[in-house]
């Protein structure tokens, strides 16, 4: 196992200065605490995005920030005065309901304020570039705000931009075959497909995409390596 220290929270000041000089690039995992089916952990977004960034930092340089656990998503008010968020009222969630464990929602405007605060601090710490990705709605807002934030903070910002989107293989469903395969590759101890009857391929509640029982660790490894390969030219150029 590669023990190279690339996490911001683990670096001593001298180690931080060395890595920053080598590659002034910060990685920002866009996570959530969100229902990902009965078979995946609630922090799947953060685990997947952080793992991708740890691998990139070890190969190309840079420093990995702690994952964000708050994120934007669609929201629907209920007659009881509460609200549904994201997968609570997706087509695969019948009847609509507050799915267990989802505790991440903030408004898009507040999420932009969070990003502003983080980018201000990263610029102050000496970073020149930031790559962020993870949770789908967070990914979208990050990319949409890149031009604005580059001008505001003088940083080079990267994400799953339109030039990558059509071929991007990583975290492209919600707890279905793609994300389940990724989790089977990086954290198999956190995946439990036994919650679904053997061979059962009907839709499962709160999951968008191909049935998770079609997932495999080998496919997850391929998704991870393809994502790293797509990012390599951008990250090496920083």
Protein backbone atom coordinates (compact mmCIF):
# COMPACT_ATOMS: atom_id res chain seq x y z
CA UNK A 1 0.00 0.00 0.00
CA UNK A 2 1.28 3.46 -0.94
CA UNK A 3 1.94 5.37 2.29
CA UNK A 4 2.93 8.70 0.73
CA UNK A 5 1.31 11.51 2.68
CA UNK A 6 -0.88 13.63 0.40
CA UNK A 7 -3.74 14.63 2.72
CA UNK A 8 -3.67 18.25 3.90
CA UNK A 9 -4.74 17.20 7.41
CA UNK A 10 -1.78 14.82 7.78
CA UNK A 11 1.04 17.10 6.59
CA UNK A 12 3.36 18.87 8.97
CA UNK A 13 4.29 22.44 7.93
CA UNK A 14 7.63 21.47 6.39
CA UNK A 15 5.99 18.64 4.43
CA UNK A 16 3.24 21.01 3.31
CA UNK A 17 5.76 23.55 2.02
CA UNK A 18 7.62 20.90 0.02
CA UNK A 19 4.49 19.50 -1.65
CA UNK A 20 3.14 22.98 -2.33
CA UNK A 21 6.38 23.99 -4.09
CA UNK A 22 6.36 20.79 -6.13
CA UNK A 23 2.73 21.20 -7.30
CA UNK A 24 0.55 24.03 -5.94
CA UNK A 25 -2.61 22.04 -6.69
CA UNK A 26 -5.41 21.30 -4.21
CA UNK A 27 -7.96 18.53 -4.68
CA UNK A 28 -11.44 19.13 -3.24
CA UNK A 29 -13.72 16.05 -2.89
CA UNK A 30 -17.39 17.00 -3.21
CA UNK A 31 -19.07 14.54 -0.87
CA UNK A 32 -22.42 14.12 0.87
CA UNK A 33 -24.01 12.14 3.66
CA UNK A 34 -26.69 10.57 1.50
CA UNK A 35 -28.70 7.40 0.98
CA UNK A 36 -26.95 5.25 -1.62
CA UNK A 37 -29.23 2.23 -1.52
CA UNK A 38 -29.21 -0.31 1.30
CA UNK A 39 -25.96 -1.76 -0.04
CA UNK A 40 -23.58 1.23 0.09
CA UNK A 41 -22.40 3.52 2.91
CA UNK A 42 -23.93 6.95 3.41
CA UNK A 43 -20.59 8.61 2.65
CA UNK A 44 -20.11 6.92 -0.74
CA UNK A 45 -19.77 10.23 -2.60
CA UNK A 46 -16.93 11.40 -0.37
CA UNK A 47 -15.18 8.01 -0.34
CA UNK A 48 -15.20 7.71 -4.13
CA UNK A 49 -14.15 11.28 -4.91
CA UNK A 50 -11.44 11.33 -2.27
CA UNK A 51 -9.99 8.03 -3.51
CA UNK A 52 -9.72 9.35 -7.07
CA UNK A 53 -7.94 12.44 -5.80
CA UNK A 54 -5.58 10.54 -3.53
CA UNK A 55 -4.48 8.46 -6.52
CA UNK A 56 -4.02 11.57 -8.67
CA UNK A 57 -2.03 13.33 -5.94
CA UNK A 58 0.32 10.37 -5.58
CA UNK A 59 0.88 10.16 -9.34
CA UNK A 60 0.88 13.83 -10.36
CA UNK A 61 1.46 15.80 -7.16
CA UNK A 62 -0.75 18.07 -5.14
CA UNK A 63 -2.55 17.98 -1.81
CA UNK A 64 -5.98 16.50 -1.01
CA UNK A 65 -8.42 18.53 1.06
CA UNK A 66 -10.96 16.95 3.46
CA UNK A 67 -14.22 16.08 1.68
CA UNK A 68 -17.18 18.43 1.90
CA UNK A 69 -20.28 16.66 3.26
CA UNK A 70 -22.82 19.40 2.43
CA UNK A 71 -24.14 19.84 -1.09
CA UNK A 72 -26.98 21.21 -3.19
CA UNK A 73 -29.75 19.10 -4.71
CA UNK A 74 -33.31 19.43 -5.91
CA UNK A 75 -35.84 19.96 -3.13
CA UNK A 76 -39.61 19.55 -2.81
CA UNK A 77 -41.69 20.89 0.04
CA UNK A 78 -44.17 18.42 1.58
CA UNK A 79 -47.66 18.94 2.94
CA UNK A 80 -46.36 18.18 6.44
CA UNK A 81 -43.99 21.14 6.37
CA UNK A 82 -40.90 18.99 5.83
CA UNK A 83 -39.17 18.48 2.49
CA UNK A 84 -37.87 15.82 0.14
CA UNK A 85 -34.35 16.05 -1.30
CA UNK A 86 -32.79 14.42 -4.37
CA UNK A 87 -33.44 10.69 -4.41
CA UNK A 88 -36.31 11.06 -1.90
CA UNK A 89 -38.60 11.70 -4.86
CA UNK A 90 -36.77 10.09 -7.76
CA UNK A 91 -38.63 7.76 -10.10
CA UNK A 92 -37.04 4.76 -8.37
CA UNK A 93 -38.29 5.86 -4.94
CA UNK A 94 -41.89 4.72 -4.55
CA UNK A 95 -43.60 5.92 -2.50
CA UNK A 96 -41.80 9.23 -2.05
CA UNK A 97 -40.12 9.29 1.32
CA UNK A 98 -37.26 10.71 3.37
CA UNK A 99 -34.56 8.11 2.71
CA UNK A 100 -32.61 7.07 5.79
CA UNK A 101 -29.36 8.87 6.50
CA UNK A 102 -29.57 11.74 4.02
CA UNK A 103 -28.28 14.80 5.89
CA UNK A 104 -26.47 17.02 3.43
CA UNK A 105 -28.75 19.55 1.76
CA UNK A 106 -27.87 23.21 1.36
CA UNK A 107 -29.17 25.69 -1.18
CA UNK A 108 -27.16 26.31 -4.36
CA UNK A 109 -26.48 29.86 -3.19
CA UNK A 110 -25.14 28.72 0.16
CA UNK A 111 -23.04 26.05 -1.55
CA UNK A 112 -21.46 28.76 -3.70
CA UNK A 113 -20.68 30.67 -0.51
CA UNK A 114 -19.00 27.57 0.92
CA UNK A 115 -16.90 27.27 -2.24
CA UNK A 116 -16.00 30.97 -2.03
CA UNK A 117 -14.75 30.53 1.53
CA UNK A 118 -12.72 27.45 0.68
CA UNK A 119 -11.17 29.00 -2.43
CA UNK A 120 -10.25 32.14 -0.51
CA UNK A 121 -8.43 30.04 2.07
CA UNK A 122 -6.69 27.88 -0.52
CA UNK A 123 -5.50 30.97 -2.37
CA UNK A 124 -4.25 32.39 0.93
CA UNK A 125 -2.39 29.15 1.72
CA UNK A 126 -0.48 29.41 -1.56
CA UNK A 127 -2.30 27.13 -3.97
CA UNK A 128 -2.48 28.11 -7.64
CA UNK A 129 -5.00 25.52 -8.86
CA UNK A 130 -7.92 23.43 -7.57
CA UNK A 131 -9.56 20.31 -8.95
CA UNK A 132 -12.98 19.45 -7.49
CA UNK A 133 -15.45 16.66 -8.23
CA UNK A 134 -17.86 14.22 -6.64
CA UNK A 135 -21.59 14.44 -5.88
CA UNK A 136 -23.50 15.12 -9.11
CA UNK A 137 -25.29 18.41 -8.28
CA UNK A 138 -22.17 19.70 -6.53
CA UNK A 139 -20.12 18.78 -9.63
CA UNK A 140 -22.51 20.73 -11.84
CA UNK A 141 -22.46 23.90 -9.74
CA UNK A 142 -18.67 23.73 -9.38
CA UNK A 143 -18.22 23.56 -13.15
CA UNK A 144 -20.78 26.29 -13.82
CA UNK A 145 -18.94 28.61 -11.41
CA UNK A 146 -15.40 27.98 -12.71
CA UNK A 147 -15.18 31.06 -14.95
CA UNK A 148 -16.58 33.31 -12.20
CA UNK A 149 -14.30 31.93 -9.52
CA UNK A 150 -11.15 31.93 -11.63
CA UNK A 151 -11.62 35.67 -12.14
CA UNK A 152 -12.49 36.24 -8.49
CA UNK A 153 -9.63 34.29 -6.91
CA UNK A 154 -6.94 34.18 -9.60
CA UNK A 155 -6.80 30.37 -9.42
CA UNK A 156 -6.78 27.76 -12.18
CA UNK A 157 -9.87 25.63 -11.55
CA UNK A 158 -10.56 22.18 -12.99
CA UNK A 159 -13.48 19.76 -12.84
CA UNK A 160 -15.50 17.47 -15.05
CA UNK A 161 -15.90 20.19 -17.65
CA UNK A 162 -17.78 19.79 -20.96
CA UNK A 163 -14.64 18.55 -22.74
CA UNK A 164 -14.52 15.56 -20.35
CA UNK A 165 -18.22 15.00 -19.66
CA UNK A 166 -19.10 12.77 -22.63
CA UNK A 167 -16.33 10.25 -21.83
CA UNK A 168 -16.20 10.64 -18.04
CA UNK A 169 -16.54 7.17 -16.41
CA UNK A 170 -16.46 7.91 -12.69
CA UNK A 171 -19.50 8.44 -10.43
CA UNK A 172 -21.99 8.67 -13.28
CA UNK A 173 -25.04 7.03 -11.70
CA UNK A 174 -26.47 6.96 -8.18
CA UNK A 175 -25.52 3.80 -6.30
CA UNK A 176 -26.13 1.67 -9.38
CA UNK A 177 -23.66 -0.43 -11.40
CA UNK A 178 -21.08 2.33 -11.83
CA UNK A 179 -20.80 3.60 -8.27
CA UNK A 180 -21.23 0.12 -6.82
CA UNK A 181 -18.40 -1.19 -9.00
CA UNK A 182 -16.17 1.68 -7.88
CA UNK A 183 -16.93 0.96 -4.23
CA UNK A 184 -16.31 -2.78 -4.75
CA UNK A 185 -12.87 -1.89 -6.06
CA UNK A 186 -11.82 0.71 -3.49
CA UNK A 187 -13.74 -0.32 -0.33
CA UNK A 188 -15.24 -3.81 -0.76
CA UNK A 189 -15.65 -4.05 3.00
CA UNK A 190 -18.36 -1.37 2.82
CA UNK A 191 -20.46 -3.02 0.09
CA UNK A 192 -23.21 -5.53 0.91
CA UNK A 193 -25.11 -6.82 -2.12
CA UNK A 194 -26.65 -9.59 -0.03
CA UNK A 195 -29.43 -7.14 0.82
CA UNK A 196 -30.84 -7.90 -2.64
CA UNK A 197 -32.15 -11.39 -3.50
CA UNK A 198 -29.69 -13.37 -5.60
CA UNK A 199 -30.23 -12.64 -9.27
CA UNK A 200 -32.85 -9.98 -8.53
CA UNK A 201 -32.62 -7.36 -11.27
CA UNK A 202 -35.81 -5.35 -10.75
CA UNK A 203 -35.40 -1.65 -9.86
CA UNK A 204 -34.25 -0.93 -6.32
CA UNK A 205 -35.40 1.99 -4.20
CA UNK A 206 -33.34 5.14 -4.34
CA UNK A 207 -30.94 3.90 -7.04
CA UNK A 208 -30.58 5.42 -10.53
CA UNK A 209 -28.94 3.37 -13.29
CA UNK A 210 -28.25 -0.29 -14.02
CA UNK A 211 -28.95 -2.64 -11.14
CA UNK A 212 -26.08 -2.72 -8.60
CA UNK A 213 -26.00 -6.53 -8.75
CA UNK A 214 -24.41 -6.12 -12.20
CA UNK A 215 -21.39 -4.43 -10.59
CA UNK A 216 -17.87 -5.85 -10.31
CA UNK A 217 -14.61 -4.79 -8.73
CA UNK A 218 -12.82 -5.17 -12.08
CA UNK A 219 -15.21 -2.71 -13.70
CA UNK A 220 -14.65 -0.31 -10.80
CA UNK A 221 -10.90 -0.48 -11.31
CA UNK A 222 -11.35 0.29 -15.01
CA UNK A 223 -13.55 3.30 -14.21
CA UNK A 224 -10.94 4.65 -11.79
CA UNK A 225 -8.00 4.19 -14.16
CA UNK A 226 -9.86 5.71 -17.10
CA UNK A 227 -10.75 8.77 -15.02
CA UNK A 228 -7.12 9.19 -13.95
CA UNK A 229 -5.98 8.90 -17.57
CA UNK A 230 -8.45 11.57 -18.67
CA UNK A 231 -7.28 13.93 -15.94
CA UNK A 232 -3.57 13.33 -16.46
CA UNK A 233 -2.95 15.95 -19.20
CA UNK A 234 -4.74 18.66 -17.20
CA UNK A 235 -3.04 17.85 -13.90
CA UNK A 236 0.43 17.42 -15.34
CA UNK A 237 0.14 20.85 -16.99
CA UNK A 238 -0.38 22.62 -13.66
